[in-house]
């Protein structure tokens, strides 16, 4: 999760919020995190 956060330029907590589908994440940030997850092959 830390690698995804670093790649997306966000905190680990933000990655956690995206993974848990929290409504507290800006759509643009969510897209950046999801892109980083895809590039790194991250699967929660």
PDB file of N, CA and C in Angstrom:
ATOM      1  N   UNK A   1       0.819  -1.187   0.000  1.00  0.00           N
ATOM      2  CA  UNK A   1       0.000   0.000   0.000  1.00  0.00           C
ATOM      3  C   UNK A   1       0.869   1.259   0.000  1.00  0.00           C
ATOM      4  N   UNK A   2       2.001   1.205   0.662  1.00  0.00           N
ATOM      5  CA  UNK A   2       2.896   2.362   0.711  1.00  0.00           C
ATOM      6  C   UNK A   2       3.439   2.700  -0.672  1.00  0.00           C
ATOM      7  N   UNK A   3       3.705   1.687  -1.476  1.00  0.00           N
ATOM      8  CA  UNK A   3       4.206   1.935  -2.830  1.00  0.00           C
ATOM      9  C   UNK A   3       3.137   2.608  -3.684  1.00  0.00           C
ATOM     10  N   UNK A   4       1.899   2.179  -3.530  1.00  0.00           N
ATOM     11  CA  UNK A   4       0.790   2.802  -4.263  1.00  0.00           C
ATOM     12  C   UNK A   4       0.663   4.261  -3.840  1.00  0.00           C
ATOM     13  N   UNK A   5       0.713   4.506  -2.541  1.00  0.00           N
ATOM     14  CA  UNK A   5       0.601   5.871  -2.027  1.00  0.00           C
ATOM     15  C   UNK A   5       1.713   6.755  -2.581  1.00  0.00           C
ATOM     16  N   UNK A   6       2.925   6.248  -2.564  1.00  0.00           N
ATOM     17  CA  UNK A   6       4.063   7.009  -3.067  1.00  0.00           C
ATOM     18  C   UNK A   6       3.900   7.310  -4.553  1.00  0.00           C
ATOM     19  N   UNK A   7       3.507   6.315  -5.302  1.00  0.00           N
ATOM     20  CA  UNK A   7       3.342   6.474  -6.749  1.00  0.00           C
ATOM     21  C   UNK A   7       2.251   7.489  -7.083  1.00  0.00           C
ATOM     22  N   UNK A   8       1.166   7.477  -6.292  1.00  0.00           N
ATOM     23  CA  UNK A   8       0.041   8.376  -6.551  1.00  0.00           C
ATOM     24  C   UNK A   8       0.222   9.742  -5.896  1.00  0.00           C
ATOM     25  N   UNK A   9       1.217   9.862  -5.021  1.00  0.00           N
ATOM     26  CA  UNK A   9       1.456  11.129  -4.344  1.00  0.00           C
ATOM     27  C   UNK A   9       0.430  11.438  -3.267  1.00  0.00           C
ATOM     28  N   UNK A  10      -0.030  10.386  -2.602  1.00  0.00           N
ATOM     29  CA  UNK A  10      -1.027  10.543  -1.536  1.00  0.00           C
ATOM     30  C   UNK A  10      -0.567   9.783  -0.299  1.00  0.00           C
ATOM     31  N   UNK A  11      -1.350   9.870   0.761  1.00  0.00           N
ATOM     32  CA  UNK A  11      -1.024   9.141   1.987  1.00  0.00           C
ATOM     33  C   UNK A  11      -1.553   7.710   1.917  1.00  0.00           C
ATOM     34  N   UNK A  12      -1.035   6.883   2.786  1.00  0.00           N
ATOM     35  CA  UNK A  12      -1.530   5.516   2.894  1.00  0.00           C
ATOM     36  C   UNK A  12      -2.994   5.487   3.285  1.00  0.00           C
ATOM     37  N   UNK A  13      -3.408   6.447   4.102  1.00  0.00           N
ATOM     38  CA  UNK A  13      -4.813   6.526   4.514  1.00  0.00           C
ATOM     39  C   UNK A  13      -5.712   6.789   3.312  1.00  0.00           C
ATOM     40  N   UNK A  14      -5.245   7.603   2.380  1.00  0.00           N
ATOM     41  CA  UNK A  14      -6.037   7.876   1.180  1.00  0.00           C
ATOM     42  C   UNK A  14      -6.176   6.614   0.343  1.00  0.00           C
ATOM     43  N   UNK A  15      -5.109   5.848   0.216  1.00  0.00           N
ATOM     44  CA  UNK A  15      -5.190   4.578  -0.511  1.00  0.00           C
ATOM     45  C   UNK A  15      -6.203   3.668   0.172  1.00  0.00           C
ATOM     46  N   UNK A  16      -6.158   3.611   1.485  1.00  0.00           N
ATOM     47  CA  UNK A  16      -7.110   2.800   2.241  1.00  0.00           C
ATOM     48  C   UNK A  16      -8.543   3.248   1.976  1.00  0.00           C
ATOM     49  N   UNK A  17      -8.761   4.538   1.933  1.00  0.00           N
ATOM     50  CA  UNK A  17     -10.111   5.052   1.659  1.00  0.00           C
ATOM     51  C   UNK A  17     -10.583   4.652   0.266  1.00  0.00           C
ATOM     52  N   UNK A  18      -9.685   4.692  -0.709  1.00  0.00           N
ATOM     53  CA  UNK A  18     -10.052   4.282  -2.066  1.00  0.00           C
ATOM     54  C   UNK A  18     -10.402   2.797  -2.080  1.00  0.00           C
ATOM     55  N   UNK A  19      -9.570   1.980  -1.456  1.00  0.00           N
ATOM     56  CA  UNK A  19      -9.801   0.533  -1.411  1.00  0.00           C
ATOM     57  C   UNK A  19     -11.144   0.225  -0.748  1.00  0.00           C
ATOM     58  N   UNK A  20     -11.476   0.989   0.295  1.00  0.00           N
ATOM     59  CA  UNK A  20     -12.725   0.758   1.028  1.00  0.00           C
ATOM     60  C   UNK A  20     -13.901   1.554   0.469  1.00  0.00           C
ATOM     61  N   UNK A  21     -13.701   2.180  -0.700  1.00  0.00           N
ATOM     62  CA  UNK A  21     -14.748   2.909  -1.414  1.00  0.00           C
ATOM     63  C   UNK A  21     -15.383   4.023  -0.578  1.00  0.00           C
ATOM     64  N   UNK A  22     -14.557   4.749   0.130  1.00  0.00           N
ATOM     65  CA  UNK A  22     -15.041   5.861   0.948  1.00  0.00           C
ATOM     66  C   UNK A  22     -15.467   7.029   0.056  1.00  0.00           C
ATOM     67  N   UNK A  23     -16.571   7.680   0.402  1.00  0.00           N
ATOM     68  CA  UNK A  23     -17.001   8.855  -0.365  1.00  0.00           C
ATOM     69  C   UNK A  23     -16.156  10.098  -0.064  1.00  0.00           C
ATOM     70  N   UNK A  24     -15.220  10.000   0.871  1.00  0.00           N
ATOM     71  CA  UNK A  24     -14.401  11.148   1.288  1.00  0.00           C
ATOM     72  C   UNK A  24     -13.205  11.409   0.368  1.00  0.00           C
ATOM     73  N   UNK A  25     -13.120  10.713  -0.757  1.00  0.00           N
ATOM     74  CA  UNK A  25     -11.974  10.870  -1.658  1.00  0.00           C
ATOM     75  C   UNK A  25     -12.419  11.621  -2.911  1.00  0.00           C
ATOM     76  N   UNK A  26     -11.680  12.663  -3.248  1.00  0.00           N
ATOM     77  CA  UNK A  26     -11.951  13.433  -4.458  1.00  0.00           C
ATOM     78  C   UNK A  26     -11.845  12.519  -5.681  1.00  0.00           C
ATOM     79  N   UNK A  27     -12.749  12.654  -6.654  1.00  0.00           N
ATOM     80  CA  UNK A  27     -12.711  11.782  -7.836  1.00  0.00           C
ATOM     81  C   UNK A  27     -11.369  11.790  -8.579  1.00  0.00           C
ATOM     82  N   UNK A  28     -10.723  12.938  -8.670  1.00  0.00           N
ATOM     83  CA  UNK A  28      -9.427  13.002  -9.352  1.00  0.00           C
ATOM     84  C   UNK A  28      -8.364  12.233  -8.571  1.00  0.00           C
ATOM     85  N   UNK A  29      -8.408  12.328  -7.257  1.00  0.00           N
ATOM     86  CA  UNK A  29      -7.464  11.596  -6.411  1.00  0.00           C
ATOM     87  C   UNK A  29      -7.725  10.104  -6.515  1.00  0.00           C
ATOM     88  N   UNK A  30      -8.998   9.723  -6.488  1.00  0.00           N
ATOM     89  CA  UNK A  30      -9.367   8.309  -6.627  1.00  0.00           C
ATOM     90  C   UNK A  30      -8.809   7.746  -7.937  1.00  0.00           C
ATOM     91  N   UNK A  31      -8.943   8.510  -9.010  1.00  0.00           N
ATOM     92  CA  UNK A  31      -8.446   8.060 -10.313  1.00  0.00           C
ATOM     93  C   UNK A  31      -6.931   7.878 -10.286  1.00  0.00           C
ATOM     94  N   UNK A  32      -6.202   8.812  -9.645  1.00  0.00           N
ATOM     95  CA  UNK A  32      -4.740   8.694  -9.536  1.00  0.00           C
ATOM     96  C   UNK A  32      -4.352   7.440  -8.770  1.00  0.00           C
ATOM     97  N   UNK A  33      -5.052   7.188  -7.666  1.00  0.00           N
ATOM     98  CA  UNK A  33      -4.744   6.011  -6.849  1.00  0.00           C
ATOM     99  C   UNK A  33      -5.061   4.738  -7.630  1.00  0.00           C
ATOM    100  N   UNK A  34      -6.205   4.696  -8.293  1.00  0.00           N
ATOM    101  CA  UNK A  34      -6.574   3.505  -9.061  1.00  0.00           C
ATOM    102  C   UNK A  34      -5.591   3.260 -10.204  1.00  0.00           C
ATOM    103  N   UNK A  35      -5.109   4.329 -10.828  1.00  0.00           N
ATOM    104  CA  UNK A  35      -4.107   4.192 -11.887  1.00  0.00           C
ATOM    105  C   UNK A  35      -2.820   3.602 -11.318  1.00  0.00           C
ATOM    106  N   UNK A  36      -2.371   4.117 -10.178  1.00  0.00           N
ATOM    107  CA  UNK A  36      -1.155   3.601  -9.534  1.00  0.00           C
ATOM    108  C   UNK A  36      -1.331   2.137  -9.145  1.00  0.00           C
ATOM    109  N   UNK A  37      -2.505   1.793  -8.646  1.00  0.00           N
ATOM    110  CA  UNK A  37      -2.775   0.401  -8.278  1.00  0.00           C
ATOM    111  C   UNK A  37      -2.657  -0.506  -9.501  1.00  0.00           C
ATOM    112  N   UNK A  38      -3.200  -0.055 -10.621  1.00  0.00           N
ATOM    113  CA  UNK A  38      -3.122  -0.836 -11.848  1.00  0.00           C
ATOM    114  C   UNK A  38      -1.698  -0.975 -12.356  1.00  0.00           C
ATOM    115  N   UNK A  39      -0.951   0.112 -12.330  1.00  0.00           N
ATOM    116  CA  UNK A  39       0.438   0.087 -12.803  1.00  0.00           C
ATOM    117  C   UNK A  39       1.307  -0.840 -11.962  1.00  0.00           C
ATOM    118  N   UNK A  40       1.017  -0.895 -10.669  1.00  0.00           N
ATOM    119  CA  UNK A  40       1.823  -1.719  -9.761  1.00  0.00           C
ATOM    120  C   UNK A  40       1.265  -3.131  -9.584  1.00  0.00           C
ATOM    121  N   UNK A  41       0.105  -3.386 -10.173  1.00  0.00           N
ATOM    122  CA  UNK A  41      -0.505  -4.706 -10.017  1.00  0.00           C
ATOM    123  C   UNK A  41      -1.000  -4.956  -8.603  1.00  0.00           C
ATOM    124  N   UNK A  42      -1.345  -3.880  -7.896  1.00  0.00           N
ATOM    125  CA  UNK A  42      -1.794  -4.000  -6.507  1.00  0.00           C
ATOM    126  C   UNK A  42      -3.211  -4.542  -6.454  1.00  0.00           C
ATOM    127  N   UNK A  43      -3.403  -5.538  -5.614  1.00  0.00           N
ATOM    128  CA  UNK A  43      -4.736  -6.086  -5.377  1.00  0.00           C
ATOM    129  C   UNK A  43      -4.963  -6.155  -3.883  1.00  0.00           C
ATOM    130  N   UNK A  44      -6.003  -5.470  -3.417  1.00  0.00           N
ATOM    131  CA  UNK A  44      -6.264  -5.462  -1.970  1.00  0.00           C
ATOM    132  C   UNK A  44      -6.686  -6.822  -1.437  1.00  0.00           C
TER     133      UNK A  44
END
